[in-house]
Every structure is written in C-alpha cells, then in structure tokens.
C-alpha cells in the first residue's frame, strides 16, 4: 500500500482482510461463550472487544479510507499498537495493562 504495489489489485488481497476480520469477531464471540464471561460484565473482555473493533476500524483506514499515505501509515501503526494491546489483555486478563 505504501509502495503502490500491483499485488493490491488482486482479488484475494482485497478479500483477505474481510475474512480475517470476520474470523477475529467470530472467535471473540466464541471465546466469550466458551469461558462463560461476557462483554460489559468483565472489564478485560469488554476492553478486548472494543480494541478489536478499533483495530478493524484502523485497518479500514489503512487499507481503504485513508486519503494520504501519512494517514494510512498512521492508521497502520495505530493498528499494530492496538494489536499488541489486545495480546497483552488476552494474556493478563487486565484491561488496564497500560496503566
């Protein structure tokens, strides 16, 4: 995306982010059901779900809706930070890991 590569025009590259985002959302729902903890009851799971939605939104900006390359790069960097936060929350089950 940053280097304007031709691979971005391939069909599978355009479809893959949707498949990945759907898999992430389904796995979040299945996780909540499996461990019998639900968002808005357990702060760590609520934070993880909110961060997942933010991650998907930043990915959309980075891949499609960003107007400039700087916006796209900023959204990409933000998505990486949010992804690391999701991992830390998943490992520690602490929504306030940054504090």
PDB file of N, CA and C in Angstrom:
ATOM      1  N   UNK A   1       0.823  -1.178   0.000  1.00  0.00           N
ATOM      2  CA  UNK A   1       0.000   0.000   0.000  1.00  0.00           C
ATOM      3  C   UNK A   1       0.874   1.252   0.000  1.00  0.00           C
ATOM      4  N   UNK A   2       1.908   1.257   0.780  1.00  0.00           N
ATOM      5  CA  UNK A   2       2.797   2.416   0.852  1.00  0.00           C
ATOM      6  C   UNK A   2       3.612   2.545  -0.420  1.00  0.00           C
ATOM      7  N   UNK A   3       4.000   1.408  -0.994  1.00  0.00           N
ATOM      8  CA  UNK A   3       4.837   1.424  -2.198  1.00  0.00           C
ATOM      9  C   UNK A   3       4.030   1.260  -3.485  1.00  0.00           C
ATOM     10  N   UNK A   4       2.707   1.304  -3.408  1.00  0.00           N
ATOM     11  CA  UNK A   4       1.833   1.196  -4.590  1.00  0.00           C
ATOM     12  C   UNK A   4       2.140  -0.054  -5.418  1.00  0.00           C
ATOM     13  N   UNK A   5       2.157  -1.192  -4.780  1.00  0.00           N
ATOM     14  CA  UNK A   5       2.468  -2.440  -5.472  1.00  0.00           C
ATOM     15  C   UNK A   5       1.253  -2.958  -6.247  1.00  0.00           C
ATOM     16  N   UNK A   6       1.517  -3.638  -7.344  1.00  0.00           N
ATOM     17  CA  UNK A   6       0.453  -4.169  -8.202  1.00  0.00           C
ATOM     18  C   UNK A   6      -0.342  -5.283  -7.528  1.00  0.00           C
ATOM     19  N   UNK A   7       0.241  -5.949  -6.538  1.00  0.00           N
ATOM     20  CA  UNK A   7      -0.442  -7.058  -5.876  1.00  0.00           C
ATOM     21  C   UNK A   7      -1.736  -6.606  -5.188  1.00  0.00           C
ATOM     22  N   UNK A   8      -1.826  -5.326  -4.868  1.00  0.00           N
ATOM     23  CA  UNK A   8      -3.016  -4.805  -4.203  1.00  0.00           C
ATOM     24  C   UNK A   8      -4.266  -4.904  -5.077  1.00  0.00           C
ATOM     25  N   UNK A   9      -4.099  -5.098  -6.364  1.00  0.00           N
ATOM     26  CA  UNK A   9      -5.230  -5.194  -7.266  1.00  0.00           C
ATOM     27  C   UNK A   9      -5.759  -6.621  -7.411  1.00  0.00           C
ATOM     28  N   UNK A  10      -5.074  -7.580  -6.826  1.00  0.00           N
ATOM     29  CA  UNK A  10      -5.513  -8.981  -6.927  1.00  0.00           C
ATOM     30  C   UNK A  10      -6.720  -9.222  -6.041  1.00  0.00           C
ATOM     31  N   UNK A  11      -7.599 -10.086  -6.501  1.00  0.00           N
ATOM     32  CA  UNK A  11      -8.865 -10.327  -5.819  1.00  0.00           C
ATOM     33  C   UNK A  11      -8.668 -10.869  -4.408  1.00  0.00           C
ATOM     34  N   UNK A  12      -7.750 -11.828  -4.230  1.00  0.00           N
ATOM     35  CA  UNK A  12      -7.570 -12.434  -2.914  1.00  0.00           C
ATOM     36  C   UNK A  12      -7.031 -11.437  -1.900  1.00  0.00           C
ATOM     37  N   UNK A  13      -6.271 -10.454  -2.346  1.00  0.00           N
ATOM     38  CA  UNK A  13      -5.738  -9.434  -1.445  1.00  0.00           C
ATOM     39  C   UNK A  13      -6.859  -8.511  -0.968  1.00  0.00           C
ATOM     40  N   UNK A  14      -7.841  -8.298  -1.809  1.00  0.00           N
ATOM     41  CA  UNK A  14      -8.977  -7.460  -1.432  1.00  0.00           C
ATOM     42  C   UNK A  14      -9.947  -8.201  -0.516  1.00  0.00           C
ATOM     43  N   UNK A  15     -10.026  -9.513  -0.642  1.00  0.00           N
ATOM     44  CA  UNK A  15     -10.969 -10.314   0.146  1.00  0.00           C
ATOM     45  C   UNK A  15     -10.380 -10.702   1.504  1.00  0.00           C
ATOM     46  N   UNK A  16      -9.087 -10.946   1.578  1.00  0.00           N
ATOM     47  CA  UNK A  16      -8.442 -11.457   2.793  1.00  0.00           C
ATOM     48  C   UNK A  16      -8.730 -10.626   4.054  1.00  0.00           C
ATOM     49  N   UNK A  17      -8.668  -9.293   4.016  1.00  0.00           N
ATOM     50  CA  UNK A  17      -8.946  -8.545   5.251  1.00  0.00           C
ATOM     51  C   UNK A  17     -10.351  -8.785   5.797  1.00  0.00           C
ATOM     52  N   UNK A  18     -11.328  -8.947   4.919  1.00  0.00           N
ATOM     53  CA  UNK A  18     -12.700  -9.210   5.361  1.00  0.00           C
ATOM     54  C   UNK A  18     -12.802 -10.571   6.030  1.00  0.00           C
ATOM     55  N   UNK A  19     -12.139 -11.552   5.458  1.00  0.00           N
ATOM     56  CA  UNK A  19     -12.147 -12.907   6.029  1.00  0.00           C
ATOM     57  C   UNK A  19     -11.466 -12.900   7.397  1.00  0.00           C
ATOM     58  N   UNK A  20     -10.335 -12.221   7.500  1.00  0.00           N
ATOM     59  CA  UNK A  20      -9.595 -12.157   8.755  1.00  0.00           C
ATOM     60  C   UNK A  20     -10.406 -11.433   9.828  1.00  0.00           C
ATOM     61  N   UNK A  21     -11.004 -10.297   9.494  1.00  0.00           N
ATOM     62  CA  UNK A  21     -11.800  -9.546  10.462  1.00  0.00           C
ATOM     63  C   UNK A  21     -13.001 -10.360  10.932  1.00  0.00           C
ATOM     64  N   UNK A  22     -13.651 -11.053  10.014  1.00  0.00           N
ATOM     65  CA  UNK A  22     -14.782 -11.905  10.381  1.00  0.00           C
ATOM     66  C   UNK A  22     -14.333 -13.025  11.316  1.00  0.00           C
ATOM     67  N   UNK A  23     -13.213 -13.641  11.014  1.00  0.00           N
ATOM     68  CA  UNK A  23     -12.689 -14.711  11.875  1.00  0.00           C
ATOM     69  C   UNK A  23     -12.364 -14.173  13.270  1.00  0.00           C
ATOM     70  N   UNK A  24     -11.804 -12.977  13.360  1.00  0.00           N
ATOM     71  CA  UNK A  24     -11.496 -12.383  14.657  1.00  0.00           C
ATOM     72  C   UNK A  24     -12.760 -12.116  15.467  1.00  0.00           C
ATOM     73  N   UNK A  25     -13.791 -11.571  14.827  1.00  0.00           N
ATOM     74  CA  UNK A  25     -15.040 -11.298  15.531  1.00  0.00           C
ATOM     75  C   UNK A  25     -15.731 -12.586  15.977  1.00  0.00           C
ATOM     76  N   UNK A  26     -15.758 -13.581  15.110  1.00  0.00           N
ATOM     77  CA  UNK A  26     -16.374 -14.865  15.470  1.00  0.00           C
ATOM     78  C   UNK A  26     -15.608 -15.514  16.611  1.00  0.00           C
ATOM     79  N   UNK A  27     -14.292 -15.458  16.567  1.00  0.00           N
ATOM     80  CA  UNK A  27     -13.508 -16.064  17.644  1.00  0.00           C
ATOM     81  C   UNK A  27     -13.726 -15.321  18.960  1.00  0.00           C
ATOM     82  N   UNK A  28     -13.925 -14.006  18.915  1.00  0.00           N
ATOM     83  CA  UNK A  28     -14.211 -13.245  20.140  1.00  0.00           C
ATOM     84  C   UNK A  28     -15.544 -13.678  20.739  1.00  0.00           C
ATOM     85  N   UNK A  29     -16.536 -13.864  19.897  1.00  0.00           N
ATOM     86  CA  UNK A  29     -17.852 -14.312  20.377  1.00  0.00           C
ATOM     87  C   UNK A  29     -17.763 -15.719  20.939  1.00  0.00           C
ATOM     88  N   UNK A  30     -17.077 -16.605  20.232  1.00  0.00           N
ATOM     89  CA  UNK A  30     -16.928 -17.980  20.712  1.00  0.00           C
ATOM     90  C   UNK A  30     -16.127 -18.041  22.006  1.00  0.00           C
ATOM     91  N   UNK A  31     -15.127 -17.196  22.156  1.00  0.00           N
ATOM     92  CA  UNK A  31     -14.355 -17.139  23.390  1.00  0.00           C
ATOM     93  C   UNK A  31     -15.260 -16.759  24.559  1.00  0.00           C
ATOM     94  N   UNK A  32     -16.066 -15.729  24.373  1.00  0.00           N
ATOM     95  CA  UNK A  32     -16.958 -15.285  25.442  1.00  0.00           C
ATOM     96  C   UNK A  32     -17.932 -16.391  25.844  1.00  0.00           C
ATOM     97  N   UNK A  33     -18.451 -17.100  24.861  1.00  0.00           N
ATOM     98  CA  UNK A  33     -19.382 -18.199  25.149  1.00  0.00           C
ATOM     99  C   UNK A  33     -18.652 -19.348  25.839  1.00  0.00           C
ATOM    100  N   UNK A  34     -17.488 -19.677  25.341  1.00  0.00           N
ATOM    101  CA  UNK A  34     -16.725 -20.822  25.860  1.00  0.00           C
ATOM    102  C   UNK A  34     -16.313 -20.642  27.322  1.00  0.00           C
ATOM    103  N   UNK A  35     -15.826 -19.466  27.671  1.00  0.00           N
ATOM    104  CA  UNK A  35     -15.367 -19.245  29.039  1.00  0.00           C
ATOM    105  C   UNK A  35     -16.468 -18.666  29.926  1.00  0.00           C
ATOM    106  N   UNK A  36     -17.633 -18.506  29.374  1.00  0.00           N
ATOM    107  CA  UNK A  36     -18.814 -18.017  30.080  1.00  0.00           C
ATOM    108  C   UNK A  36     -18.557 -16.685  30.782  1.00  0.00           C
ATOM    109  N   UNK A  37     -17.878 -15.821  30.074  1.00  0.00           N
ATOM    110  CA  UNK A  37     -17.696 -14.451  30.514  1.00  0.00           C
ATOM    111  C   UNK A  37     -18.141 -13.563  29.367  1.00  0.00           C
ATOM    112  N   UNK A  38     -18.841 -12.528  29.700  1.00  0.00           N
ATOM    113  CA  UNK A  38     -19.467 -11.751  28.656  1.00  0.00           C
ATOM    114  C   UNK A  38     -19.026 -10.293  28.698  1.00  0.00           C
ATOM    115  N   UNK A  39     -18.926  -9.670  27.525  1.00  0.00           N
ATOM    116  CA  UNK A  39     -18.571  -8.246  27.494  1.00  0.00           C
ATOM    117  C   UNK A  39     -19.562  -7.433  28.316  1.00  0.00           C
ATOM    118  N   UNK A  40     -19.122  -6.332  28.824  1.00  0.00           N
ATOM    119  CA  UNK A  40     -19.861  -5.413  29.684  1.00  0.00           C
ATOM    120  C   UNK A  40     -20.040  -5.956  31.091  1.00  0.00           C
ATOM    121  N   UNK A  41     -19.648  -7.201  31.342  1.00  0.00           N
ATOM    122  CA  UNK A  41     -19.636  -7.753  32.691  1.00  0.00           C
ATOM    123  C   UNK A  41     -18.193  -7.837  33.174  1.00  0.00           C
ATOM    124  N   UNK A  42     -17.325  -8.331  32.331  1.00  0.00           N
ATOM    125  CA  UNK A  42     -15.903  -8.462  32.649  1.00  0.00           C
ATOM    126  C   UNK A  42     -15.130  -7.374  31.912  1.00  0.00           C
ATOM    127  N   UNK A  43     -14.478  -6.477  32.657  1.00  0.00           N
ATOM    128  CA  UNK A  43     -13.794  -5.343  32.020  1.00  0.00           C
ATOM    129  C   UNK A  43     -12.729  -5.758  31.006  1.00  0.00           C
ATOM    130  N   UNK A  44     -11.994  -6.812  31.256  1.00  0.00           N
ATOM    131  CA  UNK A  44     -10.926  -7.201  30.343  1.00  0.00           C
ATOM    132  C   UNK A  44     -11.488  -7.665  29.004  1.00  0.00           C
ATOM    133  N   UNK A  45     -12.624  -8.355  29.041  1.00  0.00           N
ATOM    134  CA  UNK A  45     -13.222  -8.825  27.795  1.00  0.00           C
ATOM    135  C   UNK A  45     -13.866  -7.666  27.032  1.00  0.00           C
ATOM    136  N   UNK A  46     -14.452  -6.731  27.769  1.00  0.00           N
ATOM    137  CA  UNK A  46     -15.011  -5.535  27.125  1.00  0.00           C
ATOM    138  C   UNK A  46     -13.906  -4.722  26.453  1.00  0.00           C
ATOM    139  N   UNK A  47     -12.782  -4.570  27.142  1.00  0.00           N
ATOM    140  CA  UNK A  47     -11.655  -3.821  26.575  1.00  0.00           C
ATOM    141  C   UNK A  47     -11.110  -4.524  25.343  1.00  0.00           C
ATOM    142  N   UNK A  48     -11.035  -5.836  25.409  1.00  0.00           N
ATOM    143  CA  UNK A  48     -10.515  -6.602  24.277  1.00  0.00           C
ATOM    144  C   UNK A  48     -11.441  -6.480  23.063  1.00  0.00           C
ATOM    145  N   UNK A  49     -12.736  -6.546  23.285  1.00  0.00           N
ATOM    146  CA  UNK A  49     -13.699  -6.412  22.194  1.00  0.00           C
ATOM    147  C   UNK A  49     -13.671  -5.000  21.607  1.00  0.00           C
ATOM    148  N   UNK A  50     -13.617  -3.995  22.464  1.00  0.00           N
ATOM    149  CA  UNK A  50     -13.540  -2.605  21.981  1.00  0.00           C
ATOM    150  C   UNK A  50     -12.254  -2.389  21.185  1.00  0.00           C
ATOM    151  N   UNK A  51     -11.161  -2.949  21.682  1.00  0.00           N
ATOM    152  CA  UNK A  51      -9.883  -2.816  20.970  1.00  0.00           C
ATOM    153  C   UNK A  51      -9.928  -3.541  19.628  1.00  0.00           C
ATOM    154  N   UNK A  52     -10.614  -4.665  19.575  1.00  0.00           N
ATOM    155  CA  UNK A  52     -10.757  -5.391  18.311  1.00  0.00           C
ATOM    156  C   UNK A  52     -11.520  -4.556  17.289  1.00  0.00           C
ATOM    157  N   UNK A  53     -12.586  -3.900  17.721  1.00  0.00           N
ATOM    158  CA  UNK A  53     -13.346  -3.035  16.809  1.00  0.00           C
ATOM    159  C   UNK A  53     -12.496  -1.844  16.358  1.00  0.00           C
ATOM    160  N   UNK A  54     -11.698  -1.294  17.271  1.00  0.00           N
ATOM    161  CA  UNK A  54     -10.788  -0.206  16.905  1.00  0.00           C
ATOM    162  C   UNK A  54      -9.747  -0.693  15.904  1.00  0.00           C
ATOM    163  N   UNK A  55      -9.220  -1.889  16.135  1.00  0.00           N
ATOM    164  CA  UNK A  55      -8.237  -2.497  15.223  1.00  0.00           C
ATOM    165  C   UNK A  55      -8.821  -2.644  13.816  1.00  0.00           C
ATOM    166  N   UNK A  56     -10.053  -3.105  13.737  1.00  0.00           N
ATOM    167  CA  UNK A  56     -10.703  -3.264  12.435  1.00  0.00           C
ATOM    168  C   UNK A  56     -10.907  -1.898  11.779  1.00  0.00           C
ATOM    169  N   UNK A  57     -11.320  -0.906  12.561  1.00  0.00           N
ATOM    170  CA  UNK A  57     -11.500   0.439  12.020  1.00  0.00           C
ATOM    171  C   UNK A  57     -10.203   1.040  11.509  1.00  0.00           C
ATOM    172  N   UNK A  58      -9.127   0.872  12.267  1.00  0.00           N
ATOM    173  CA  UNK A  58      -7.831   1.381  11.820  1.00  0.00           C
ATOM    174  C   UNK A  58      -7.365   0.653  10.561  1.00  0.00           C
ATOM    175  N   UNK A  59      -7.643  -0.630  10.494  1.00  0.00           N
ATOM    176  CA  UNK A  59      -7.299  -1.389   9.286  1.00  0.00           C
ATOM    177  C   UNK A  59      -8.050  -0.875   8.072  1.00  0.00           C
ATOM    178  N   UNK A  60      -9.308  -0.503   8.269  1.00  0.00           N
ATOM    179  CA  UNK A  60     -10.096   0.042   7.161  1.00  0.00           C
ATOM    180  C   UNK A  60      -9.512   1.367   6.681  1.00  0.00           C
ATOM    181  N   UNK A  61      -9.077   2.198   7.623  1.00  0.00           N
ATOM    182  CA  UNK A  61      -8.453   3.473   7.244  1.00  0.00           C
ATOM    183  C   UNK A  61      -7.140   3.204   6.519  1.00  0.00           C
ATOM    184  N   UNK A  62      -6.348   2.272   7.056  1.00  0.00           N
ATOM    185  CA  UNK A  62      -5.039   1.994   6.464  1.00  0.00           C
ATOM    186  C   UNK A  62      -5.157   1.423   5.062  1.00  0.00           C
ATOM    187  N   UNK A  63      -6.148   0.601   4.825  1.00  0.00           N
ATOM    188  CA  UNK A  63      -6.236  -0.078   3.532  1.00  0.00           C
ATOM    189  C   UNK A  63      -7.168   0.589   2.527  1.00  0.00           C
ATOM    190  N   UNK A  64      -8.132   1.347   3.002  1.00  0.00           N
ATOM    191  CA  UNK A  64      -9.112   1.862   2.054  1.00  0.00           C
ATOM    192  C   UNK A  64      -9.437   3.340   2.211  1.00  0.00           C
ATOM    193  N   UNK A  65      -9.728   3.793   3.417  1.00  0.00           N
ATOM    194  CA  UNK A  65     -10.322   5.110   3.584  1.00  0.00           C
ATOM    195  C   UNK A  65      -9.327   6.233   3.870  1.00  0.00           C
ATOM    196  N   UNK A  66      -8.075   5.908   4.091  1.00  0.00           N
ATOM    197  CA  UNK A  66      -7.079   6.947   4.314  1.00  0.00           C
ATOM    198  C   UNK A  66      -6.876   7.761   3.043  1.00  0.00           C
ATOM    199  N   UNK A  67      -6.899   9.071   3.177  1.00  0.00           N
ATOM    200  CA  UNK A  67      -6.772   9.937   1.998  1.00  0.00           C
ATOM    201  C   UNK A  67      -5.321  10.087   1.552  1.00  0.00           C
ATOM    202  N   UNK A  68      -4.411  10.175   2.525  1.00  0.00           N
ATOM    203  CA  UNK A  68      -2.999  10.360   2.192  1.00  0.00           C
ATOM    204  C   UNK A  68      -2.190   9.166   2.703  1.00  0.00           C
ATOM    205  N   UNK A  69      -0.976   9.057   2.207  1.00  0.00           N
ATOM    206  CA  UNK A  69      -0.110   7.973   2.686  1.00  0.00           C
ATOM    207  C   UNK A  69       0.213   8.141   4.166  1.00  0.00           C
ATOM    208  N   UNK A  70       0.341   9.378   4.621  1.00  0.00           N
ATOM    209  CA  UNK A  70       0.613   9.607   6.044  1.00  0.00           C
ATOM    210  C   UNK A  70      -0.540   9.119   6.913  1.00  0.00           C
ATOM    211  N   UNK A  71      -1.775   9.346   6.479  1.00  0.00           N
ATOM    212  CA  UNK A  71      -2.930   8.835   7.217  1.00  0.00           C
ATOM    213  C   UNK A  71      -2.926   7.310   7.230  1.00  0.00           C
ATOM    214  N   UNK A  72      -2.618   6.719   6.107  1.00  0.00           N
ATOM    215  CA  UNK A  72      -2.608   5.263   6.017  1.00  0.00           C
ATOM    216  C   UNK A  72      -1.502   4.667   6.883  1.00  0.00           C
ATOM    217  N   UNK A  73      -0.326   5.274   6.873  1.00  0.00           N
ATOM    218  CA  UNK A  73       0.784   4.786   7.688  1.00  0.00           C
ATOM    219  C   UNK A  73       0.464   4.978   9.170  1.00  0.00           C
ATOM    220  N   UNK A  74      -0.134   6.103   9.522  1.00  0.00           N
ATOM    221  CA  UNK A  74      -0.529   6.346  10.913  1.00  0.00           C
ATOM    222  C   UNK A  74      -1.554   5.338  11.401  1.00  0.00           C
ATOM    223  N   UNK A  75      -2.533   5.035  10.559  1.00  0.00           N
ATOM    224  CA  UNK A  75      -3.549   4.044  10.920  1.00  0.00           C
ATOM    225  C   UNK A  75      -2.926   2.661  11.051  1.00  0.00           C
ATOM    226  N   UNK A  76      -1.983   2.344  10.180  1.00  0.00           N
ATOM    227  CA  UNK A  76      -1.294   1.050  10.247  1.00  0.00           C
ATOM    228  C   UNK A  76      -0.511   0.922  11.547  1.00  0.00           C
ATOM    229  N   UNK A  77       0.223   1.983  11.907  1.00  0.00           N
ATOM    230  CA  UNK A  77       0.981   1.975  13.167  1.00  0.00           C
ATOM    231  C   UNK A  77       0.032   1.865  14.365  1.00  0.00           C
ATOM    232  N   UNK A  78      -1.071   2.589  14.303  1.00  0.00           N
ATOM    233  CA  UNK A  78      -2.070   2.501  15.369  1.00  0.00           C
ATOM    234  C   UNK A  78      -2.643   1.104  15.491  1.00  0.00           C
ATOM    235  N   UNK A  79      -2.896   0.457  14.357  1.00  0.00           N
ATOM    236  CA  UNK A  79      -3.427  -0.903  14.374  1.00  0.00           C
ATOM    237  C   UNK A  79      -2.440  -1.873  15.014  1.00  0.00           C
ATOM    238  N   UNK A  80      -1.157  -1.679  14.773  1.00  0.00           N
ATOM    239  CA  UNK A  80      -0.144  -2.538  15.387  1.00  0.00           C
ATOM    240  C   UNK A  80      -0.135  -2.348  16.906  1.00  0.00           C
ATOM    241  N   UNK A  81      -0.226  -1.102  17.356  1.00  0.00           N
ATOM    242  CA  UNK A  81      -0.253  -0.820  18.798  1.00  0.00           C
ATOM    243  C   UNK A  81      -1.493  -1.443  19.437  1.00  0.00           C
ATOM    244  N   UNK A  82      -2.640  -1.298  18.785  1.00  0.00           N
ATOM    245  CA  UNK A  82      -3.876  -1.882  19.313  1.00  0.00           C
ATOM    246  C   UNK A  82      -3.779  -3.405  19.331  1.00  0.00           C
ATOM    247  N   UNK A  83      -3.168  -3.998  18.323  1.00  0.00           N
ATOM    248  CA  UNK A  83      -2.999  -5.447  18.289  1.00  0.00           C
ATOM    249  C   UNK A  83      -2.151  -5.929  19.471  1.00  0.00           C
ATOM    250  N   UNK A  84      -1.073  -5.221  19.761  1.00  0.00           N
ATOM    251  CA  UNK A  84      -0.232  -5.583  20.909  1.00  0.00           C
ATOM    252  C   UNK A  84      -1.033  -5.450  22.206  1.00  0.00           C
ATOM    253  N   UNK A  85      -1.839  -4.401  22.307  1.00  0.00           N
ATOM    254  CA  UNK A  85      -2.702  -4.232  23.487  1.00  0.00           C
ATOM    255  C   UNK A  85      -3.662  -5.409  23.630  1.00  0.00           C
ATOM    256  N   UNK A  86      -4.271  -5.835  22.521  1.00  0.00           N
ATOM    257  CA  UNK A  86      -5.186  -6.981  22.558  1.00  0.00           C
ATOM    258  C   UNK A  86      -4.456  -8.217  23.072  1.00  0.00           C
ATOM    259  N   UNK A  87      -3.250  -8.440  22.593  1.00  0.00           N
ATOM    260  CA  UNK A  87      -2.465  -9.586  23.060  1.00  0.00           C
ATOM    261  C   UNK A  87      -2.177  -9.493  24.558  1.00  0.00           C
ATOM    262  N   UNK A  88      -1.769  -8.326  25.023  1.00  0.00           N
ATOM    263  CA  UNK A  88      -1.461  -8.159  26.439  1.00  0.00           C
ATOM    264  C   UNK A  88      -2.692  -8.359  27.318  1.00  0.00           C
ATOM    265  N   UNK A  89      -3.826  -7.845  26.877  1.00  0.00           N
ATOM    266  CA  UNK A  89      -5.062  -8.037  27.632  1.00  0.00           C
ATOM    267  C   UNK A  89      -5.454  -9.516  27.641  1.00  0.00           C
ATOM    268  N   UNK A  90      -5.276 -10.196  26.537  1.00  0.00           N
ATOM    269  CA  UNK A  90      -5.606 -11.619  26.467  1.00  0.00           C
ATOM    270  C   UNK A  90      -4.722 -12.441  27.402  1.00  0.00           C
ATOM    271  N   UNK A  91      -3.459 -12.076  27.498  1.00  0.00           N
ATOM    272  CA  UNK A  91      -2.527 -12.815  28.348  1.00  0.00           C
ATOM    273  C   UNK A  91      -2.769 -12.535  29.828  1.00  0.00           C
ATOM    274  N   UNK A  92      -2.961 -11.258  30.174  1.00  0.00           N
ATOM    275  CA  UNK A  92      -3.050 -10.871  31.586  1.00  0.00           C
ATOM    276  C   UNK A  92      -4.476 -10.818  32.122  1.00  0.00           C
ATOM    277  N   UNK A  93      -5.446 -10.730  31.244  1.00  0.00           N
ATOM    278  CA  UNK A  93      -6.849 -10.517  31.621  1.00  0.00           C
ATOM    279  C   UNK A  93      -6.983  -9.263  32.486  1.00  0.00           C
ATOM    280  N   UNK A  94      -6.237  -8.249  32.111  1.00  0.00           N
ATOM    281  CA  UNK A  94      -6.257  -6.967  32.798  1.00  0.00           C
ATOM    282  C   UNK A  94      -6.469  -5.888  31.740  1.00  0.00           C
ATOM    283  N   UNK A  95      -7.601  -5.210  31.811  1.00  0.00           N
ATOM    284  CA  UNK A  95      -7.934  -4.189  30.820  1.00  0.00           C
ATOM    285  C   UNK A  95      -7.068  -2.950  30.967  1.00  0.00           C
ATOM    286  N   UNK A  96      -6.483  -2.767  32.138  1.00  0.00           N
ATOM    287  CA  UNK A  96      -5.715  -1.552  32.416  1.00  0.00           C
ATOM    288  C   UNK A  96      -4.228  -1.843  32.399  1.00  0.00           C
ATOM    289  N   UNK A  97      -3.801  -2.662  31.486  1.00  0.00           N
ATOM    290  CA  UNK A  97      -2.417  -3.102  31.382  1.00  0.00           C
ATOM    291  C   UNK A  97      -1.468  -1.939  31.144  1.00  0.00           C
ATOM    292  N   UNK A  98      -1.911  -0.915  30.460  1.00  0.00           N
ATOM    293  CA  UNK A  98      -1.052   0.234  30.134  1.00  0.00           C
ATOM    294  C   UNK A  98      -0.824   1.100  31.360  1.00  0.00           C
ATOM    295  N   UNK A  99      -1.799   1.174  32.248  1.00  0.00           N
ATOM    296  CA  UNK A  99      -1.654   1.988  33.442  1.00  0.00           C
ATOM    297  C   UNK A  99      -0.677   1.297  34.340  1.00  0.00           C
TER     298      UNK A  99
END
